[in-house]
Amino acid sequence: MRENEISYIIRGAIFKVYNKLGPGLLESVYVAALVYELKKVGMNVKTEVPVPVFYEDVKLDIGFRIDILVNELVVIEVKSVEAMAEIHHKKTITYLNLAKKKLAILVNFNTNNITNNIFRKVNNL
């Protein structure tokens, strides 16, 4: 299964979680529910996946963690904020590049319209 097929499954899981839980909860609740839904349909799901940061040839003692990684291919960044800021989009693209992945899904669950709050970010896909 490739990134676009996985993305379709992820979107379905996002809609299911949003329709059951609605807006206003903590990000950790949405992460747990998404993981449950994705595992239920047979996806390989990891959370809080560490990604090292290299500067020149040096591995820095700091890194970041991917909220959800699906089938080792697609990054999901989960937000529950009043309004998406440009920095959320930029950070997701940076995470995607550092993780050497081709597709990320950025989603904000704290909204009245989930359709307008799911964003695809691509890196050479």
PDB file of N, CA and C in Angstrom:
ATOM      1  N   MET A   1       0.844  -1.171   0.000  1.00  0.00           N
ATOM      2  CA  MET A   1       0.000   0.000   0.000  1.00  0.00           C
ATOM      3  C   MET A   1       0.895   1.242   0.000  1.00  0.00           C
ATOM      4  N   ARG A   2       0.594   2.188  -0.860  1.00  0.00           N
ATOM      5  CA  ARG A   2       1.397   3.403  -1.008  1.00  0.00           C
ATOM      6  C   ARG A   2       0.774   4.578  -0.242  1.00  0.00           C
ATOM      7  N   GLU A   3       1.459   5.698  -0.255  1.00  0.00           N
ATOM      8  CA  GLU A   3       1.062   6.865   0.526  1.00  0.00           C
ATOM      9  C   GLU A   3      -0.360   7.344   0.239  1.00  0.00           C
ATOM     10  N   ASN A   4      -0.726   7.447  -1.022  1.00  0.00           N
ATOM     11  CA  ASN A   4      -2.057   7.965  -1.349  1.00  0.00           C
ATOM     12  C   ASN A   4      -3.174   7.042  -0.878  1.00  0.00           C
ATOM     13  N   GLU A   5      -2.964   5.745  -0.962  1.00  0.00           N
ATOM     14  CA  GLU A   5      -3.959   4.791  -0.458  1.00  0.00           C
ATOM     15  C   GLU A   5      -4.084   4.896   1.061  1.00  0.00           C
ATOM     16  N   ILE A   6      -2.945   5.023   1.728  1.00  0.00           N
ATOM     17  CA  ILE A   6      -2.941   5.170   3.186  1.00  0.00           C
ATOM     18  C   ILE A   6      -3.626   6.472   3.575  1.00  0.00           C
ATOM     19  N   SER A   7      -3.374   7.530   2.817  1.00  0.00           N
ATOM     20  CA  SER A   7      -3.976   8.831   3.078  1.00  0.00           C
ATOM     21  C   SER A   7      -5.503   8.751   3.057  1.00  0.00           C
ATOM     22  N   TYR A   8      -6.046   8.007   2.112  1.00  0.00           N
ATOM     23  CA  TYR A   8      -7.490   7.839   2.009  1.00  0.00           C
ATOM     24  C   TYR A   8      -8.041   7.174   3.280  1.00  0.00           C
ATOM     25  N   ILE A   9      -7.357   6.157   3.760  1.00  0.00           N
ATOM     26  CA  ILE A   9      -7.772   5.458   4.987  1.00  0.00           C
ATOM     27  C   ILE A   9      -7.672   6.388   6.189  1.00  0.00           C
ATOM     28  N   ILE A  10      -6.601   7.182   6.243  1.00  0.00           N
ATOM     29  CA  ILE A  10      -6.410   8.128   7.342  1.00  0.00           C
ATOM     30  C   ILE A  10      -7.548   9.147   7.369  1.00  0.00           C
ATOM     31  N   ARG A  11      -7.894   9.686   6.209  1.00  0.00           N
ATOM     32  CA  ARG A  11      -8.994  10.664   6.150  1.00  0.00           C
ATOM     33  C   ARG A  11     -10.297  10.051   6.684  1.00  0.00           C
ATOM     34  N   GLY A  12     -10.557   8.829   6.307  1.00  0.00           N
ATOM     35  CA  GLY A  12     -11.756   8.157   6.819  1.00  0.00           C
ATOM     36  C   GLY A  12     -11.732   8.034   8.326  1.00  0.00           C
ATOM     37  N   ALA A  13     -10.566   7.686   8.873  1.00  0.00           N
ATOM     38  CA  ALA A  13     -10.430   7.569  10.326  1.00  0.00           C
ATOM     39  C   ALA A  13     -10.592   8.927  11.008  1.00  0.00           C
ATOM     40  N   ILE A  14     -10.054   9.969  10.399  1.00  0.00           N
ATOM     41  CA  ILE A  14     -10.196  11.320  10.953  1.00  0.00           C
ATOM     42  C   ILE A  14     -11.674  11.699  11.038  1.00  0.00           C
ATOM     43  N   PHE A  15     -12.414  11.484   9.962  1.00  0.00           N
ATOM     44  CA  PHE A  15     -13.836  11.818   9.959  1.00  0.00           C
ATOM     45  C   PHE A  15     -14.595  11.012  11.017  1.00  0.00           C
ATOM     46  N   LYS A  16     -14.246   9.745  11.145  1.00  0.00           N
ATOM     47  CA  LYS A  16     -14.927   8.899  12.122  1.00  0.00           C
ATOM     48  C   LYS A  16     -14.675   9.401  13.539  1.00  0.00           C
ATOM     49  N   VAL A  17     -13.415   9.708  13.855  1.00  0.00           N
ATOM     50  CA  VAL A  17     -13.058  10.206  15.181  1.00  0.00           C
ATOM     51  C   VAL A  17     -13.755  11.545  15.443  1.00  0.00           C
ATOM     52  N   TYR A  18     -13.707  12.441  14.479  1.00  0.00           N
ATOM     53  CA  TYR A  18     -14.322  13.759  14.655  1.00  0.00           C
ATOM     54  C   TYR A  18     -15.830  13.634  14.871  1.00  0.00           C
ATOM     55  N   ASN A  19     -16.479  12.791  14.083  1.00  0.00           N
ATOM     56  CA  ASN A  19     -17.929  12.637  14.206  1.00  0.00           C
ATOM     57  C   ASN A  19     -18.333  12.040  15.547  1.00  0.00           C
ATOM     58  N   LYS A  20     -17.473  11.212  16.134  1.00  0.00           N
ATOM     59  CA  LYS A  20     -17.790  10.603  17.428  1.00  0.00           C
ATOM     60  C   LYS A  20     -17.429  11.508  18.600  1.00  0.00           C
ATOM     61  N   LEU A  21     -16.304  12.231  18.498  1.00  0.00           N
ATOM     62  CA  LEU A  21     -15.820  13.008  19.643  1.00  0.00           C
ATOM     63  C   LEU A  21     -16.096  14.507  19.549  1.00  0.00           C
ATOM     64  N   GLY A  22     -16.171  15.038  18.329  1.00  0.00           N
ATOM     65  CA  GLY A  22     -16.383  16.466  18.167  1.00  0.00           C
ATOM     66  C   GLY A  22     -15.135  17.270  18.513  1.00  0.00           C
ATOM     67  N   PRO A  23     -15.256  18.596  18.472  1.00  0.00           N
ATOM     68  CA  PRO A  23     -14.115  19.468  18.750  1.00  0.00           C
ATOM     69  C   PRO A  23     -13.918  19.706  20.248  1.00  0.00           C
ATOM     70  N   GLY A  24     -12.745  20.264  20.596  1.00  0.00           N
ATOM     71  CA  GLY A  24     -12.537  20.784  21.942  1.00  0.00           C
ATOM     72  C   GLY A  24     -11.776  19.909  22.916  1.00  0.00           C
ATOM     73  N   LEU A  25     -11.366  18.721  22.511  1.00  0.00           N
ATOM     74  CA  LEU A  25     -10.620  17.850  23.419  1.00  0.00           C
ATOM     75  C   LEU A  25      -9.111  18.048  23.248  1.00  0.00           C
ATOM     76  N   LEU A  26      -8.351  17.449  24.122  1.00  0.00           N
ATOM     77  CA  LEU A  26      -6.891  17.511  24.021  1.00  0.00           C
ATOM     78  C   LEU A  26      -6.394  16.710  22.818  1.00  0.00           C
ATOM     79  N   GLU A  27      -5.254  17.128  22.280  1.00  0.00           N
ATOM     80  CA  GLU A  27      -4.645  16.417  21.154  1.00  0.00           C
ATOM     81  C   GLU A  27      -4.441  14.942  21.478  1.00  0.00           C
ATOM     82  N   SER A  28      -4.037  14.649  22.701  1.00  0.00           N
ATOM     83  CA  SER A  28      -3.749  13.264  23.082  1.00  0.00           C
ATOM     84  C   SER A  28      -4.976  12.363  22.945  1.00  0.00           C
ATOM     85  N   VAL A  29      -6.155  12.903  23.152  1.00  0.00           N
ATOM     86  CA  VAL A  29      -7.388  12.122  22.994  1.00  0.00           C
ATOM     87  C   VAL A  29      -7.580  11.762  21.524  1.00  0.00           C
ATOM     88  N   TYR A  30      -7.384  12.740  20.651  1.00  0.00           N
ATOM     89  CA  TYR A  30      -7.547  12.493  19.217  1.00  0.00           C
ATOM     90  C   TYR A  30      -6.479  11.531  18.698  1.00  0.00           C
ATOM     91  N   VAL A  31      -5.266  11.657  19.198  1.00  0.00           N
ATOM     92  CA  VAL A  31      -4.202  10.729  18.800  1.00  0.00           C
ATOM     93  C   VAL A  31      -4.589   9.309  19.187  1.00  0.00           C
ATOM     94  N   ALA A  32      -5.021   9.111  20.424  1.00  0.00           N
ATOM     95  CA  ALA A  32      -5.393   7.773  20.890  1.00  0.00           C
ATOM     96  C   ALA A  32      -6.546   7.201  20.066  1.00  0.00           C
ATOM     97  N   ALA A  33      -7.544   8.017  19.770  1.00  0.00           N
ATOM     98  CA  ALA A  33      -8.689   7.544  18.986  1.00  0.00           C
ATOM     99  C   ALA A  33      -8.282   7.223  17.552  1.00  0.00           C
ATOM    100  N   LEU A  34      -7.435   8.066  16.945  1.00  0.00           N
ATOM    101  CA  LEU A  34      -6.953   7.796  15.576  1.00  0.00           C
ATOM    102  C   LEU A  34      -6.151   6.507  15.531  1.00  0.00           C
ATOM    103  N   VAL A  35      -5.284   6.323  16.505  1.00  0.00           N
ATOM    104  CA  VAL A  35      -4.487   5.092  16.557  1.00  0.00           C
ATOM    105  C   VAL A  35      -5.414   3.884  16.624  1.00  0.00           C
ATOM    106  N   TYR A  36      -6.413   3.953  17.468  1.00  0.00           N
ATOM    107  CA  TYR A  36      -7.373   2.858  17.598  1.00  0.00           C
ATOM    108  C   TYR A  36      -8.052   2.564  16.265  1.00  0.00           C
ATOM    109  N   GLU A  37      -8.564   3.606  15.605  1.00  0.00           N
ATOM    110  CA  GLU A  37      -9.269   3.418  14.333  1.00  0.00           C
ATOM    111  C   GLU A  37      -8.343   2.865  13.245  1.00  0.00           C
ATOM    112  N   LEU A  38      -7.124   3.352  13.184  1.00  0.00           N
ATOM    113  CA  LEU A  38      -6.189   2.894  12.150  1.00  0.00           C
ATOM    114  C   LEU A  38      -5.737   1.461  12.385  1.00  0.00           C
ATOM    115  N   LYS A  39      -5.513   1.102  13.631  1.00  0.00           N
ATOM    116  CA  LYS A  39      -5.144  -0.287  13.944  1.00  0.00           C
ATOM    117  C   LYS A  39      -6.309  -1.229  13.649  1.00  0.00           C
ATOM    118  N   LYS A  40      -7.516  -0.750  13.906  1.00  0.00           N
ATOM    119  CA  LYS A  40      -8.710  -1.559  13.677  1.00  0.00           C
ATOM    120  C   LYS A  40      -8.841  -1.981  12.216  1.00  0.00           C
ATOM    121  N   VAL A  41      -8.346  -1.151  11.293  1.00  0.00           N
ATOM    122  CA  VAL A  41      -8.417  -1.488   9.868  1.00  0.00           C
ATOM    123  C   VAL A  41      -7.110  -2.071   9.344  1.00  0.00           C
ATOM    124  N   GLY A  42      -6.216  -2.467  10.263  1.00  0.00           N
ATOM    125  CA  GLY A  42      -5.022  -3.204   9.871  1.00  0.00           C
ATOM    126  C   GLY A  42      -3.781  -2.383   9.567  1.00  0.00           C
ATOM    127  N   MET A  43      -3.794  -1.114   9.908  1.00  0.00           N
ATOM    128  CA  MET A  43      -2.606  -0.290   9.669  1.00  0.00           C
ATOM    129  C   MET A  43      -1.558  -0.537  10.753  1.00  0.00           C
ATOM    130  N   ASN A  44      -0.295  -0.428  10.372  1.00  0.00           N
ATOM    131  CA  ASN A  44       0.811  -0.478  11.317  1.00  0.00           C
ATOM    132  C   ASN A  44       1.009   0.946  11.817  1.00  0.00           C
ATOM    133  N   VAL A  45       0.767   1.175  13.094  1.00  0.00           N
ATOM    134  CA  VAL A  45       0.749   2.525  13.639  1.00  0.00           C
ATOM    135  C   VAL A  45       1.730   2.650  14.794  1.00  0.00           C
ATOM    136  N   LYS A  46       2.518   3.725  14.746  1.00  0.00           N
ATOM    137  CA  LYS A  46       3.433   4.043  15.845  1.00  0.00           C
ATOM    138  C   LYS A  46       3.154   5.475  16.286  1.00  0.00           C
ATOM    139  N   THR A  47       3.349   5.741  17.578  1.00  0.00           N
ATOM    140  CA  THR A  47       3.166   7.091  18.097  1.00  0.00           C
ATOM    141  C   THR A  47       4.456   7.596  18.722  1.00  0.00           C
ATOM    142  N   GLU A  48       4.558   8.918  18.798  1.00  0.00           N
ATOM    143  CA  GLU A  48       5.717   9.573  19.410  1.00  0.00           C
ATOM    144  C   GLU A  48       7.034   9.009  18.866  1.00  0.00           C
ATOM    145  N   VAL A  49       7.104   8.900  17.550  1.00  0.00           N
ATOM    146  CA  VAL A  49       8.269   8.333  16.872  1.00  0.00           C
ATOM    147  C   VAL A  49       9.397   9.365  16.854  1.00  0.00           C
ATOM    148  N   PRO A  50      10.537   9.051  17.494  1.00  0.00           N
ATOM    149  CA  PRO A  50      11.637  10.015  17.517  1.00  0.00           C
ATOM    150  C   PRO A  50      12.317  10.136  16.157  1.00  0.00           C
ATOM    151  N   VAL A  51      12.641  11.364  15.799  1.00  0.00           N
ATOM    152  CA  VAL A  51      13.367  11.640  14.566  1.00  0.00           C
ATOM    153  C   VAL A  51      14.555  12.526  14.927  1.00  0.00           C
ATOM    154  N   PRO A  52      15.766  12.042  14.688  1.00  0.00           N
ATOM    155  CA  PRO A  52      16.942  12.844  15.037  1.00  0.00           C
ATOM    156  C   PRO A  52      17.118  14.028  14.094  1.00  0.00           C
ATOM    157  N   VAL A  53      17.822  15.015  14.570  1.00  0.00           N
ATOM    158  CA  VAL A  53      18.145  16.180  13.757  1.00  0.00           C
ATOM    159  C   VAL A  53      19.656  16.222  13.578  1.00  0.00           C
ATOM    160  N   PHE A  54      20.087  16.331  12.329  1.00  0.00           N
ATOM    161  CA  PHE A  54      21.503  16.432  12.006  1.00  0.00           C
ATOM    162  C   PHE A  54      21.809  17.834  11.512  1.00  0.00           C
ATOM    163  N   TYR A  55      22.924  18.353  11.973  1.00  0.00           N
ATOM    164  CA  TYR A  55      23.415  19.635  11.481  1.00  0.00           C
ATOM    165  C   TYR A  55      24.796  19.376  10.916  1.00  0.00           C
ATOM    166  N   GLU A  56      24.927  19.576   9.622  1.00  0.00           N
ATOM    167  CA  GLU A  56      26.110  19.147   8.881  1.00  0.00           C
ATOM    168  C   GLU A  56      26.256  17.644   9.114  1.00  0.00           C
ATOM    169  N   ASP A  57      27.340  17.181   9.680  1.00  0.00           N
ATOM    170  CA  ASP A  57      27.503  15.746   9.932  1.00  0.00           C
ATOM    171  C   ASP A  57      27.299  15.369  11.387  1.00  0.00           C
ATOM    172  N   VAL A  58      26.783  16.286  12.175  1.00  0.00           N
ATOM    173  CA  VAL A  58      26.655  16.076  13.610  1.00  0.00           C
ATOM    174  C   VAL A  58      25.201  15.814  13.983  1.00  0.00           C
ATOM    175  N   LYS A  59      24.996  14.717  14.714  1.00  0.00           N
ATOM    176  CA  LYS A  59      23.663  14.434  15.237  1.00  0.00           C
ATOM    177  C   LYS A  59      23.489  15.273  16.500  1.00  0.00           C
ATOM    178  N   LEU A  60      22.493  16.151  16.474  1.00  0.00           N
ATOM    179  CA  LEU A  60      22.250  17.014  17.620  1.00  0.00           C
ATOM    180  C   LEU A  60      21.552  16.235  18.727  1.00  0.00           C
ATOM    181  N   ASP A  61      21.756  16.677  19.960  1.00  0.00           N
ATOM    182  CA  ASP A  61      21.145  15.998  21.098  1.00  0.00           C
ATOM    183  C   ASP A  61      19.672  16.333  21.258  1.00  0.00           C
ATOM    184  N   ILE A  62      19.124  16.937  20.239  1.00  0.00           N
ATOM    185  CA  ILE A  62      17.714  17.305  20.264  1.00  0.00           C
ATOM    186  C   ILE A  62      17.058  16.740  19.014  1.00  0.00           C
ATOM    187  N   GLY A  63      15.830  16.445  19.125  1.00  0.00           N
ATOM    188  CA  GLY A  63      15.093  15.948  17.961  1.00  0.00           C
ATOM    189  C   GLY A  63      13.636  16.295  18.134  1.00  0.00           C
ATOM    190  N   PHE A  64      12.802  15.665  17.382  1.00  0.00           N
ATOM    191  CA  PHE A  64      11.370  15.865  17.548  1.00  0.00           C
ATOM    192  C   PHE A  64      10.690  14.522  17.478  1.00  0.00           C
ATOM    193  N   ARG A  65       9.432  14.511  17.773  1.00  0.00           N
ATOM    194  CA  ARG A  65       8.652  13.269  17.754  1.00  0.00           C
ATOM    195  C   ARG A  65       7.445  13.439  16.843  1.00  0.00           C
ATOM    196  N   ILE A  66       7.287  12.479  15.963  1.00  0.00           N
ATOM    197  CA  ILE A  66       6.123  12.437  15.078  1.00  0.00           C
ATOM    198  C   ILE A  66       4.935  11.973  15.918  1.00  0.00           C
ATOM    199  N   ASP A  67       3.805  12.671  15.808  1.00  0.00           N
ATOM    200  CA  ASP A  67       2.616  12.262  16.560  1.00  0.00           C
ATOM    201  C   ASP A  67       2.225  10.835  16.209  1.00  0.00           C
ATOM    202  N   ILE A  68       2.013  10.582  14.906  1.00  0.00           N
ATOM    203  CA  ILE A  68       1.616   9.254  14.442  1.00  0.00           C
ATOM    204  C   ILE A  68       2.344   8.963  13.135  1.00  0.00           C
ATOM    205  N   LEU A  69       2.865   7.743  13.009  1.00  0.00           N
ATOM    206  CA  LEU A  69       3.476   7.280  11.765  1.00  0.00           C
ATOM    207  C   LEU A  69       2.720   6.031  11.332  1.00  0.00           C
ATOM    208  N   VAL A  70       2.200   6.059  10.115  1.00  0.00           N
ATOM    209  CA  VAL A  70       1.371   4.959   9.612  1.00  0.00           C
ATOM    210  C   VAL A  70       2.130   4.195   8.532  1.00  0.00           C
ATOM    211  N   ASN A  71       2.254   2.884   8.745  1.00  0.00           N
ATOM    212  CA  ASN A  71       2.911   1.972   7.799  1.00  0.00           C
ATOM    213  C   ASN A  71       4.309   2.458   7.388  1.00  0.00           C
ATOM    214  N   GLU A  72       4.988   3.136   8.299  1.00  0.00           N
ATOM    215  CA  GLU A  72       6.343   3.654   8.063  1.00  0.00           C
ATOM    216  C   GLU A  72       6.403   4.639   6.897  1.00  0.00           C
ATOM    217  N   LEU A  73       5.244   5.121   6.422  1.00  0.00           N
ATOM    218  CA  LEU A  73       5.201   5.971   5.234  1.00  0.00           C
ATOM    219  C   LEU A  73       4.568   7.337   5.434  1.00  0.00           C
ATOM    220  N   VAL A  74       3.507   7.415   6.216  1.00  0.00           N
ATOM    221  CA  VAL A  74       2.741   8.658   6.308  1.00  0.00           C
ATOM    222  C   VAL A  74       2.780   9.206   7.735  1.00  0.00           C
ATOM    223  N   VAL A  75       3.142  10.474   7.830  1.00  0.00           N
ATOM    224  CA  VAL A  75       3.194  11.200   9.093  1.00  0.00           C
ATOM    225  C   VAL A  75       1.841  11.866   9.327  1.00  0.00           C
ATOM    226  N   ILE A  76       1.337  11.772  10.555  1.00  0.00           N
ATOM    227  CA  ILE A  76       0.138  12.518  10.934  1.00  0.00           C
ATOM    228  C   ILE A  76       0.512  13.443  12.081  1.00  0.00           C
ATOM    229  N   GLU A  77       0.272  14.734  11.880  1.00  0.00           N
ATOM    230  CA  GLU A  77       0.452  15.723  12.933  1.00  0.00           C
ATOM    231  C   GLU A  77      -0.929  16.158  13.393  1.00  0.00           C
ATOM    232  N   VAL A  78      -1.221  15.960  14.670  1.00  0.00           N
ATOM    233  CA  VAL A  78      -2.536  16.230  15.223  1.00  0.00           C
ATOM    234  C   VAL A  78      -2.493  17.525  16.032  1.00  0.00           C
ATOM    235  N   LYS A  79      -3.453  18.389  15.772  1.00  0.00           N
ATOM    236  CA  LYS A  79      -3.593  19.640  16.510  1.00  0.00           C
ATOM    237  C   LYS A  79      -5.013  19.740  17.050  1.00  0.00           C
ATOM    238  N   SER A  80      -5.148  20.482  18.144  1.00  0.00           N
ATOM    239  CA  SER A  80      -6.450  20.851  18.676  1.00  0.00           C
ATOM    240  C   SER A  80      -6.308  22.294  19.154  1.00  0.00           C
ATOM    241  N   VAL A  81      -6.293  23.193  18.178  1.00  0.00           N
ATOM    242  CA  VAL A  81      -6.039  24.607  18.454  1.00  0.00           C
ATOM    243  C   VAL A  81      -7.198  25.448  17.935  1.00  0.00           C
ATOM    244  N   GLU A  82      -7.305  26.661  18.475  1.00  0.00           N
ATOM    245  CA  GLU A  82      -8.401  27.541  18.069  1.00  0.00           C
ATOM    246  C   GLU A  82      -8.312  27.902  16.597  1.00  0.00           C
ATOM    247  N   ALA A  83      -7.090  28.145  16.125  1.00  0.00           N
ATOM    248  CA  ALA A  83      -6.896  28.483  14.711  1.00  0.00           C
ATOM    249  C   ALA A  83      -5.540  27.960  14.258  1.00  0.00           C
ATOM    250  N   MET A  84      -5.511  27.393  13.082  1.00  0.00           N
ATOM    251  CA  MET A  84      -4.241  26.926  12.528  1.00  0.00           C
ATOM    252  C   MET A  84      -3.413  28.145  12.147  1.00  0.00           C
ATOM    253  N   ALA A  85      -2.152  28.102  12.506  1.00  0.00           N
ATOM    254  CA  ALA A  85      -1.227  29.176  12.156  1.00  0.00           C
ATOM    255  C   ALA A  85      -0.287  28.678  11.071  1.00  0.00           C
ATOM    256  N   GLU A  86       0.323  29.589  10.367  1.00  0.00           N
ATOM    257  CA  GLU A  86       1.274  29.224   9.310  1.00  0.00           C
ATOM    258  C   GLU A  86       2.409  28.360   9.855  1.00  0.00           C
ATOM    259  N   ILE A  87       2.794  28.601  11.112  1.00  0.00           N
ATOM    260  CA  ILE A  87       3.887  27.822  11.711  1.00  0.00           C
ATOM    261  C   ILE A  87       3.541  26.339  11.793  1.00  0.00           C
ATOM    262  N   HIS A  88       2.273  25.990  11.990  1.00  0.00           N
ATOM    263  CA  HIS A  88       1.874  24.575  12.035  1.00  0.00           C
ATOM    264  C   HIS A  88       2.163  23.908  10.694  1.00  0.00           C
ATOM    265  N   HIS A  89       1.890  24.604   9.617  1.00  0.00           N
ATOM    266  CA  HIS A  89       2.143  24.075   8.278  1.00  0.00           C
ATOM    267  C   HIS A  89       3.652  23.957   8.024  1.00  0.00           C
ATOM    268  N   LYS A  90       4.382  24.994   8.390  1.00  0.00           N
ATOM    269  CA  LYS A  90       5.835  24.988   8.175  1.00  0.00           C
ATOM    270  C   LYS A  90       6.521  23.902   8.985  1.00  0.00           C
ATOM    271  N   LYS A  91       6.113  23.741  10.240  1.00  0.00           N
ATOM    272  CA  LYS A  91       6.709  22.699  11.082  1.00  0.00           C
ATOM    273  C   LYS A  91       6.433  21.313  10.513  1.00  0.00           C
ATOM    274  N   THR A  92       5.229  21.099  10.027  1.00  0.00           N
ATOM    275  CA  THR A  92       4.879  19.790   9.462  1.00  0.00           C
ATOM    276  C   THR A  92       5.744  19.480   8.252  1.00  0.00           C
ATOM    277  N   ILE A  93       5.972  20.452   7.397  1.00  0.00           N
ATOM    278  CA  ILE A  93       6.835  20.252   6.222  1.00  0.00           C
ATOM    279  C   ILE A  93       8.270  19.976   6.660  1.00  0.00           C
ATOM    280  N   THR A  94       8.753  20.700   7.658  1.00  0.00           N
ATOM    281  CA  THR A  94      10.109  20.465   8.170  1.00  0.00           C
ATOM    282  C   THR A  94      10.219  19.062   8.751  1.00  0.00           C
ATOM    283  N   TYR A  95       9.240  18.641   9.538  1.00  0.00           N
ATOM    284  CA  TYR A  95       9.239  17.283  10.103  1.00  0.00           C
ATOM    285  C   TYR A  95       9.254  16.241   8.998  1.00  0.00           C
ATOM    286  N   LEU A  96       8.467  16.481   7.971  1.00  0.00           N
ATOM    287  CA  LEU A  96       8.392  15.564   6.835  1.00  0.00           C
ATOM    288  C   LEU A  96       9.758  15.425   6.174  1.00  0.00           C
ATOM    289  N   ASN A  97      10.436  16.531   5.963  1.00  0.00           N
ATOM    290  CA  ASN A  97      11.765  16.499   5.346  1.00  0.00           C
ATOM    291  C   ASN A  97      12.789  15.807   6.239  1.00  0.00           C
ATOM    292  N   LEU A  98      12.797  16.130   7.523  1.00  0.00           N
ATOM    293  CA  LEU A  98      13.762  15.520   8.443  1.00  0.00           C
ATOM    294  C   LEU A  98      13.541  14.017   8.574  1.00  0.00           C
ATOM    295  N   ALA A  99      12.288  13.604   8.535  1.00  0.00           N
ATOM    296  CA  ALA A  99      11.958  12.176   8.663  1.00  0.00           C
ATOM    297  C   ALA A  99      12.160  11.418   7.356  1.00  0.00           C
ATOM    298  N   LYS A 100      12.435  12.167   6.273  1.00  0.00           N
ATOM    299  CA  LYS A 100      12.627  11.577   4.946  1.00  0.00           C
ATOM    300  C   LYS A 100      11.400  10.769   4.500  1.00  0.00           C
ATOM    301  N   LYS A 101      10.232  11.349   4.743  1.00  0.00           N
ATOM    302  CA  LYS A 101       8.969  10.760   4.310  1.00  0.00           C
ATOM    303  C   LYS A 101       8.391  11.619   3.202  1.00  0.00           C
ATOM    304  N   LYS A 102       7.441  11.067   2.455  1.00  0.00           N
ATOM    305  CA  LYS A 102       6.881  11.772   1.303  1.00  0.00           C
ATOM    306  C   LYS A 102       5.542  12.447   1.567  1.00  0.00           C
ATOM    307  N   LEU A 103       4.808  12.000   2.587  1.00  0.00           N
ATOM    308  CA  LEU A 103       3.475  12.540   2.811  1.00  0.00           C
ATOM    309  C   LEU A 103       3.195  12.723   4.297  1.00  0.00           C
ATOM    310  N   ALA A 104       2.610  13.871   4.604  1.00  0.00           N
ATOM    311  CA  ALA A 104       2.139  14.136   5.962  1.00  0.00           C
ATOM    312  C   ALA A 104       0.704  14.648   5.883  1.00  0.00           C
ATOM    313  N   ILE A 105      -0.042  14.323   6.917  1.00  0.00           N
ATOM    314  CA  ILE A 105      -1.390  14.843   7.079  1.00  0.00           C
ATOM    315  C   ILE A 105      -1.379  15.683   8.351  1.00  0.00           C
ATOM    316  N   LEU A 106      -1.728  16.947   8.208  1.00  0.00           N
ATOM    317  CA  LEU A 106      -1.869  17.862   9.338  1.00  0.00           C
ATOM    318  C   LEU A 106      -3.359  18.056   9.566  1.00  0.00           C
ATOM    319  N   VAL A 107      -3.814  17.815  10.788  1.00  0.00           N
ATOM    320  CA  VAL A 107      -5.255  17.922  11.063  1.00  0.00           C
ATOM    321  C   VAL A 107      -5.470  18.692  12.363  1.00  0.00           C
ATOM    322  N   ASN A 108      -6.457  19.586  12.321  1.00  0.00           N
ATOM    323  CA  ASN A 108      -6.883  20.311  13.511  1.00  0.00           C
ATOM    324  C   ASN A 108      -8.300  19.869  13.860  1.00  0.00           C
ATOM    325  N   PHE A 109      -8.439  19.229  15.014  1.00  0.00           N
ATOM    326  CA  PHE A 109      -9.744  18.720  15.427  1.00  0.00           C
ATOM    327  C   PHE A 109     -10.610  19.780  16.120  1.00  0.00           C
ATOM    328  N   ASN A 110     -10.023  20.882  16.533  1.00  0.00           N
ATOM    329  CA  ASN A 110     -10.786  21.897  17.261  1.00  0.00           C
ATOM    330  C   ASN A 110     -11.435  22.874  16.279  1.00  0.00           C
ATOM    331  N   THR A 111     -12.424  22.377  15.579  1.00  0.00           N
ATOM    332  CA  THR A 111     -13.067  23.148  14.520  1.00  0.00           C
ATOM    333  C   THR A 111     -14.518  22.720  14.371  1.00  0.00           C
ATOM    334  N   ASN A 112     -15.291  23.563  13.733  1.00  0.00           N
ATOM    335  CA  ASN A 112     -16.673  23.197  13.406  1.00  0.00           C
ATOM    336  C   ASN A 112     -16.770  22.546  12.033  1.00  0.00           C
ATOM    337  N   ASN A 113     -15.670  22.585  11.258  1.00  0.00           N
ATOM    338  CA  ASN A 113     -15.664  22.009   9.915  1.00  0.00           C
ATOM    339  C   ASN A 113     -14.364  21.235   9.694  1.00  0.00           C
ATOM    340  N   ILE A 114     -14.391  19.957   9.973  1.00  0.00           N
ATOM    341  CA  ILE A 114     -13.179  19.137   9.879  1.00  0.00           C
ATOM    342  C   ILE A 114     -12.660  19.058   8.444  1.00  0.00           C
ATOM    343  N   THR A 115     -13.540  19.098   7.469  1.00  0.00           N
ATOM    344  CA  THR A 115     -13.135  19.009   6.062  1.00  0.00           C
ATOM    345  C   THR A 115     -12.117  20.090   5.703  1.00  0.00           C
ATOM    346  N   ASN A 116     -12.315  21.286   6.224  1.00  0.00           N
ATOM    347  CA  ASN A 116     -11.415  22.400   5.921  1.00  0.00           C
ATOM    348  C   ASN A 116     -10.179  22.432   6.812  1.00  0.00           C
ATOM    349  N   ASN A 117     -10.017  21.436   7.669  1.00  0.00           N
ATOM    350  CA  ASN A 117      -8.903  21.416   8.613  1.00  0.00           C
ATOM    351  C   ASN A 117      -8.064  20.161   8.504  1.00  0.00           C
ATOM    352  N   ILE A 118      -8.088  19.538   7.342  1.00  0.00           N
ATOM    353  CA  ILE A 118      -7.193  18.420   7.012  1.00  0.00           C
ATOM    354  C   ILE A 118      -6.319  18.885   5.856  1.00  0.00           C
ATOM    355  N   PHE A 119      -5.004  18.858   6.068  1.00  0.00           N
ATOM    356  CA  PHE A 119      -4.066  19.380   5.075  1.00  0.00           C
ATOM    357  C   PHE A 119      -3.046  18.316   4.695  1.00  0.00           C
ATOM    358  N   ARG A 120      -2.869  18.116   3.397  1.00  0.00           N
ATOM    359  CA  ARG A 120      -1.832  17.220   2.869  1.00  0.00           C
ATOM    360  C   ARG A 120      -0.562  18.014   2.640  1.00  0.00           C
ATOM    361  N   LYS A 121       0.535  17.500   3.109  1.00  0.00           N
ATOM    362  CA  LYS A 121       1.845  18.102   2.876  1.00  0.00           C
ATOM    363  C   LYS A 121       2.703  17.050   2.197  1.00  0.00           C
ATOM    364  N   VAL A 122       3.302  17.412   1.084  1.00  0.00           N
ATOM    365  CA  VAL A 122       4.058  16.433   0.307  1.00  0.00           C
ATOM    366  C   VAL A 122       5.524  16.818   0.173  1.00  0.00           C
ATOM    367  N   ASN A 123       6.343  15.798   0.012  1.00  0.00           N
ATOM    368  CA  ASN A 123       7.776  15.934  -0.159  1.00  0.00           C
ATOM    369  C   ASN A 123       8.197  14.973  -1.279  1.00  0.00           C
ATOM    370  N   ASN A 124       8.231  15.462  -2.495  1.00  0.00           N
ATOM    371  CA  ASN A 124       8.625  14.630  -3.651  1.00  0.00           C
ATOM    372  C   ASN A 124       7.734  13.424  -3.870  1.00  0.00           C
ATOM    373  N   LEU A 125       6.444  13.595  -3.685  1.00  0.00           N
ATOM    374  CA  LEU A 125       5.494  12.479  -3.884  1.00  0.00           C
ATOM    375  C   LEU A 125       4.993  12.503  -5.319  1.00  0.00           C
TER     376      LEU A 125
END
